[in-house]
Structures are given as structure tokens and as C-alpha cells.
Amino acid sequence: MSPTQIIVVIVAVLVIAALAVAVRTLARRRSLRDRFGPEYDRVVAERDSRAAAERELRDRERRHAELTLTPLDPESRARYAAAWEELQVRFVDSPAETVGDADELVTRLIAERGYPTGDFSDQAAHLSVEHARTLTHYRDAHEIHLRNTRGEASTEDLRQAVVHYRALFADLLGEDPLKPRPPAPRESDEALGDRAEPAKHERGPDDPADRIPDGPERHPERHHPDTPQDVTNR
């Protein structure tokens, strides 16, 4: 083999190796983007380079793999869903206190699932591996909660905080805590008589009259938590 042919072979091998590295890098990058979603872009924007950001995300995956996560049994899921429904009802009269209660309830659920609940940044990093789609909601809610403790949050801020908390809460719960349920059995038409509408105790559990208003139009003087759409979708 001539020197020229040797050089050509060496160059070809180097090009193939470089292509293989590039393909592997792109595949790993695509995998991280798919898994972390908006969290990928946030970390890239915060770090000095994309490579540093991707190293951090891979380290999160490694640490997440060391956790022992526990799925909720039906009883626990029902208990948390009931607690959340009660919490949203309390918001009407005590919005500031309710936001603090929402933070505590979400933290308890996070702990029961098996995630660490010490430092908030570390907690968010662990959650980002499987709950990246709703993590931005959690960060926004936590920020409003901190402002609320300083007396700097408006009623609208507090309403938004409950909406944000509910997004992660539903994601961790595996279902919307206020999902529609079958209406309660109604009396026959003869038993109802001339009553124009059923009494409150006869309405279904999700009757709009018994739910927190979705916006200020029902009670212009105050805002209430609304219901986000499709919060369980990651």
C-alpha cells in the first residue's frame, strides 16, 4: 500500500469516527430534550455551555435512578384528592393561608412519592427527570409562595399560585384531583314536584354552583383559583 493510500485510509477512519461521535452526541441530545422538555432549554440558558448543561441533566438522571420511588395506592390517592378539593374551597375565604397550605400539601405528596424535600433547588432537580412538563408551574408557585410570606403577593398572584401547584399535584397524583364524577342520584319527577331547581345537597359533586369560581366574573370583587386544562399531560 502506497503512502497516499495509507493517508486516505487514515483520513477515512477519522471521518467515520467523527461522524459516529456526532451521531451519538445528537442522539443523546435529542433524548435529553425529549425527557426534560422546557427544563432542557432553561438549564442550557443558565450554564456556560450546552455541554455543561447536558452534563448536569445526565447527572440528574443518575441521581434520580438512585431514588426509591413509590406509587400511590388508591386510598392515598383518594385522600390527597379530597385534601386538595377541600383546600380549593378554603381559598375563597383565606387565599393567603391557603397558598401556604397548598405548598405543604404538595411537599407531603412529593415526600410520599419518595423524592427528597430538603433544599428546593435539589428537590426541583430530582423532579425534573420525570415531571419536567409541570416543573415550571411548581417553580412559579413556589416563587409566589415566598412573596406571599413577605406580604407581597396580590389576590390574583395567590390564585395563580394555586393553579400552578395543582398542575404538579395532579402530575404526581396521576389524575386531576377535581376530575368529574358521576352526579348523585336524582329524585323522580313526581317527587321533585314544583321545585324549580334541586337543592344544594341534591346537586352532583361537581355542580358549578358548588365549585370555586373560574374567574372574577362571578364575584368581581375577588379572584379565585381556576382549573387548568390537561394538567396531567406531561
Protein backbone atom coordinates (compact mmCIF):
# COMPACT_ATOMS: atom_id res chain seq x y z
CA MET A 1 0.00 0.00 0.00
CA SER A 2 1.40 3.35 -1.02
CA PRO A 3 1.84 6.26 1.42
CA THR A 4 -1.01 8.07 -0.34
CA GLN A 5 -3.37 5.15 0.16
CA ILE A 6 -2.39 4.91 3.83
CA ILE A 7 -3.18 8.58 4.31
CA VAL A 8 -6.53 8.17 2.58
CA VAL A 9 -7.42 5.20 4.81
CA ILE A 10 -6.43 7.10 7.97
CA VAL A 11 -8.47 10.13 6.93
CA ALA A 12 -11.47 7.92 6.15
CA VAL A 13 -11.23 6.22 9.54
CA LEU A 14 -11.04 9.60 11.30
CA VAL A 15 -14.03 10.91 9.37
CA ILE A 16 -16.08 7.81 10.21
CA ALA A 17 -15.12 8.09 13.88
CA ALA A 18 -16.04 11.78 13.93
CA LEU A 19 -19.40 11.02 12.32
CA ALA A 20 -20.08 8.28 14.85
CA VAL A 21 -19.32 10.66 17.74
CA ALA A 22 -21.53 13.34 16.18
CA VAL A 23 -24.42 10.92 15.68
CA ARG A 24 -24.14 9.66 19.26
CA THR A 25 -24.00 13.24 20.60
CA LEU A 26 -27.08 14.25 18.62
CA ALA A 27 -28.95 11.15 19.77
CA ARG A 28 -28.14 11.84 23.43
CA ARG A 29 -29.11 15.49 22.97
CA ARG A 30 -32.43 14.52 21.41
CA SER A 31 -33.06 12.10 24.27
CA LEU A 32 -32.40 14.82 26.85
CA ARG A 33 -34.65 17.28 25.00
CA ASP A 34 -37.45 14.74 24.85
CA ARG A 35 -37.14 13.87 28.53
CA PHE A 36 -36.63 17.31 30.05
CA GLY A 37 -38.63 19.46 27.64
CA PRO A 38 -38.58 23.15 28.67
CA GLU A 39 -36.23 22.30 31.52
CA TYR A 40 -33.55 21.47 28.94
CA ASP A 41 -33.70 24.99 27.49
CA ARG A 42 -33.74 26.57 30.95
CA VAL A 43 -30.60 24.72 32.06
CA VAL A 44 -28.80 25.47 28.78
CA ALA A 45 -29.59 29.18 29.23
CA GLU A 46 -28.21 29.14 32.79
CA ARG A 47 -24.94 27.26 32.10
CA ASP A 48 -21.78 28.42 30.35
CA SER A 49 -22.20 25.93 27.52
CA ARG A 50 -24.58 23.35 26.13
CA ALA A 51 -22.12 20.61 27.03
CA ALA A 52 -22.09 21.71 30.69
CA ALA A 53 -25.89 21.83 30.75
CA GLU A 54 -26.16 18.35 29.29
CA ARG A 55 -23.68 17.01 31.83
CA GLU A 56 -25.86 18.38 34.60
CA LEU A 57 -29.00 16.81 33.13
CA ARG A 58 -27.29 13.44 32.78
CA ASP A 59 -26.17 13.75 36.40
CA ARG A 60 -29.79 14.39 37.38
CA GLU A 61 -30.77 11.18 35.61
CA ARG A 62 -28.07 9.30 37.51
CA ARG A 63 -29.17 10.65 40.90
CA HIS A 64 -32.82 10.07 40.07
CA ALA A 65 -32.06 6.42 39.31
CA GLU A 66 -30.78 6.04 42.87
CA LEU A 67 -34.14 7.05 44.37
CA THR A 68 -36.72 4.54 45.52
CA LEU A 69 -39.98 5.98 44.21
CA THR A 70 -43.30 4.67 45.48
CA PRO A 71 -46.57 4.80 43.52
CA LEU A 72 -49.62 5.86 45.48
CA ASP A 73 -52.18 3.23 46.40
CA PRO A 74 -55.86 4.03 45.67
CA GLU A 75 -56.54 5.00 49.29
CA SER A 76 -53.69 7.51 49.38
CA ARG A 77 -54.70 8.93 46.02
CA ALA A 78 -58.27 9.43 47.20
CA ARG A 79 -57.06 11.04 50.44
CA TYR A 80 -54.87 13.54 48.60
CA ALA A 81 -57.59 14.33 46.07
CA ALA A 82 -60.05 15.05 48.89
CA ALA A 83 -57.49 17.23 50.67
CA TRP A 84 -56.94 19.25 47.51
CA GLU A 85 -60.65 19.73 46.91
CA GLU A 86 -61.07 20.99 50.48
CA LEU A 87 -58.08 23.30 50.04
CA GLN A 88 -59.55 24.97 46.95
CA VAL A 89 -62.81 25.57 48.77
CA ARG A 90 -60.93 27.30 51.61
CA PHE A 91 -59.24 29.64 49.15
CA VAL A 92 -62.43 31.69 48.82
CA ASP A 93 -62.20 32.94 52.41
CA SER A 94 -58.45 32.62 53.14
CA PRO A 95 -56.37 32.92 49.95
CA ALA A 96 -53.07 33.80 51.62
CA GLU A 97 -53.27 30.98 54.16
CA THR A 98 -54.44 28.52 51.52
CA VAL A 99 -51.36 29.07 49.34
CA GLY A 100 -49.17 28.10 52.30
CA ASP A 101 -51.34 25.03 52.85
CA ALA A 102 -51.02 24.14 49.16
CA ASP A 103 -47.22 24.31 49.40
CA GLU A 104 -47.27 21.99 52.42
CA LEU A 105 -49.70 19.55 50.78
CA VAL A 106 -47.62 19.33 47.60
CA THR A 107 -44.47 18.84 49.67
CA ARG A 108 -46.10 15.98 51.59
CA LEU A 109 -47.12 14.33 48.33
CA ILE A 110 -43.59 14.73 46.93
CA ALA A 111 -42.15 13.11 50.05
CA GLU A 112 -44.64 10.23 49.98
CA ARG A 113 -43.72 9.51 46.39
CA GLY A 114 -40.09 9.12 47.53
CA TYR A 115 -38.47 12.40 46.45
CA PRO A 116 -36.19 14.40 48.77
CA THR A 117 -37.83 17.53 50.17
CA GLY A 118 -34.98 19.50 51.70
CA ASP A 119 -33.39 22.18 49.53
CA PHE A 120 -35.86 23.44 46.93
CA SER A 121 -33.30 23.53 44.09
CA ASP A 122 -32.26 19.94 44.77
CA GLN A 123 -35.89 18.89 45.04
CA ALA A 124 -36.70 20.52 41.69
CA ALA A 125 -33.70 18.85 40.07
CA HIS A 126 -34.95 15.41 41.13
CA LEU A 127 -38.49 16.16 39.99
CA SER A 128 -37.29 17.40 36.59
CA VAL A 129 -36.39 13.90 35.41
CA GLU A 130 -39.97 12.60 35.33
CA HIS A 131 -42.06 15.75 35.87
CA ALA A 132 -40.30 18.34 33.73
CA ARG A 133 -43.51 19.32 31.93
CA THR A 134 -45.08 20.66 35.13
CA LEU A 135 -41.92 21.77 36.94
CA THR A 136 -42.21 25.35 35.66
CA HIS A 137 -45.62 25.51 37.34
CA TYR A 138 -44.05 24.38 40.60
CA ARG A 139 -41.27 26.97 40.39
CA ASP A 140 -43.76 29.75 39.69
CA ALA A 141 -45.98 28.61 42.56
CA HIS A 142 -43.03 28.44 44.96
CA GLU A 143 -41.93 31.95 43.99
CA ILE A 144 -45.40 33.33 44.67
CA HIS A 145 -45.46 31.43 47.98
CA LEU A 146 -42.23 33.14 49.04
CA ARG A 147 -43.61 36.54 48.06
CA ASN A 148 -46.78 35.72 50.00
CA THR A 149 -44.76 35.09 53.16
CA ARG A 150 -43.36 38.62 52.73
CA GLY A 151 -46.83 40.07 52.16
CA GLU A 152 -46.02 41.00 48.56
CA ALA A 153 -48.50 38.80 46.65
CA SER A 154 -51.82 40.06 45.31
CA THR A 155 -55.02 38.02 45.34
CA GLU A 156 -54.53 37.30 41.64
CA ASP A 157 -50.99 36.12 42.36
CA LEU A 158 -52.35 33.77 45.01
CA ARG A 159 -54.99 32.45 42.63
CA GLN A 160 -52.30 31.73 40.05
CA ALA A 161 -50.16 30.01 42.70
CA VAL A 162 -52.94 27.52 43.45
CA VAL A 163 -53.36 26.87 39.72
CA HIS A 164 -49.61 26.23 39.40
CA TYR A 165 -49.48 23.97 42.46
CA ARG A 166 -52.39 21.97 41.12
CA ALA A 167 -50.51 21.24 37.86
CA LEU A 168 -47.65 19.44 39.64
CA PHE A 169 -50.01 17.96 42.23
CA ALA A 170 -52.09 16.30 39.50
CA ASP A 171 -48.94 15.12 37.73
CA LEU A 172 -47.65 13.45 40.89
CA LEU A 173 -51.08 12.13 41.79
CA GLY A 174 -51.60 10.61 38.37
CA GLU A 175 -55.01 12.23 37.92
CA ASP A 176 -56.79 15.56 38.20
CA PRO A 177 -57.71 15.98 41.89
CA LEU A 178 -61.02 17.54 40.80
CA LYS A 179 -61.85 15.17 37.94
CA PRO A 180 -65.55 14.92 37.04
CA ARG A 181 -67.54 12.35 38.98
CA PRO A 182 -70.98 10.81 38.30
CA PRO A 183 -73.83 13.01 39.60
CA ALA A 184 -75.71 11.93 42.69
CA PRO A 185 -78.99 10.02 42.08
CA ARG A 186 -81.91 12.37 41.49
CA GLU A 187 -85.42 12.04 42.79
CA SER A 188 -88.20 11.16 40.37
CA ASP A 189 -90.05 13.99 38.62
CA GLU A 190 -93.10 13.36 40.81
CA ALA A 191 -91.02 13.62 43.99
CA LEU A 192 -89.48 16.87 42.79
CA GLY A 193 -92.89 18.45 42.40
CA ASP A 194 -92.87 22.14 41.51
CA ARG A 195 -89.35 22.88 42.70
CA ALA A 196 -87.58 24.97 40.06
CA GLU A 197 -84.10 23.58 40.79
CA PRO A 198 -82.57 20.93 43.08
CA ALA A 199 -81.32 21.90 46.49
CA LYS A 200 -77.56 22.11 47.03
CA HIS A 201 -77.38 18.67 48.67
CA GLU A 202 -79.06 17.15 45.60
CA ARG A 203 -76.57 18.52 43.09
CA GLY A 204 -73.75 16.45 41.70
CA PRO A 205 -70.40 16.91 43.44
CA ASP A 206 -69.07 18.91 40.50
CA ASP A 207 -72.03 21.24 40.11
CA PRO A 208 -70.72 24.68 39.10
CA ALA A 209 -72.66 26.32 41.92
CA ASP A 210 -70.56 24.43 44.48
CA ARG A 211 -67.18 24.95 42.81
CA ILE A 212 -64.73 27.76 43.23
CA PRO A 213 -65.35 30.38 40.52
CA ASP A 214 -63.14 30.10 37.44
CA GLY A 215 -62.57 33.82 37.25
CA PRO A 216 -63.61 37.26 38.52
CA GLU A 217 -66.85 37.43 36.53
CA ARG A 218 -68.86 35.57 39.19
CA HIS A 219 -67.54 37.66 42.06
CA PRO A 220 -65.95 40.82 40.60
CA GLU A 221 -64.60 41.93 43.93
CA ARG A 222 -62.17 38.99 44.25
CA HIS A 223 -60.32 36.39 42.25
CA HIS A 224 -60.40 32.65 42.81
CA PRO A 225 -58.36 29.68 41.62
CA ASP A 226 -59.40 28.31 38.28
CA THR A 227 -58.96 24.92 36.75
CA PRO A 228 -56.05 24.41 34.32
CA GLN A 229 -56.73 22.32 31.29
CA ASP A 230 -55.00 18.99 30.77
CA VAL A 231 -52.63 19.42 33.69
CA THR A 232 -51.96 15.75 33.86
CA ASN A 233 -50.37 15.72 30.44
CA ARG A 234 -46.61 15.84 30.68
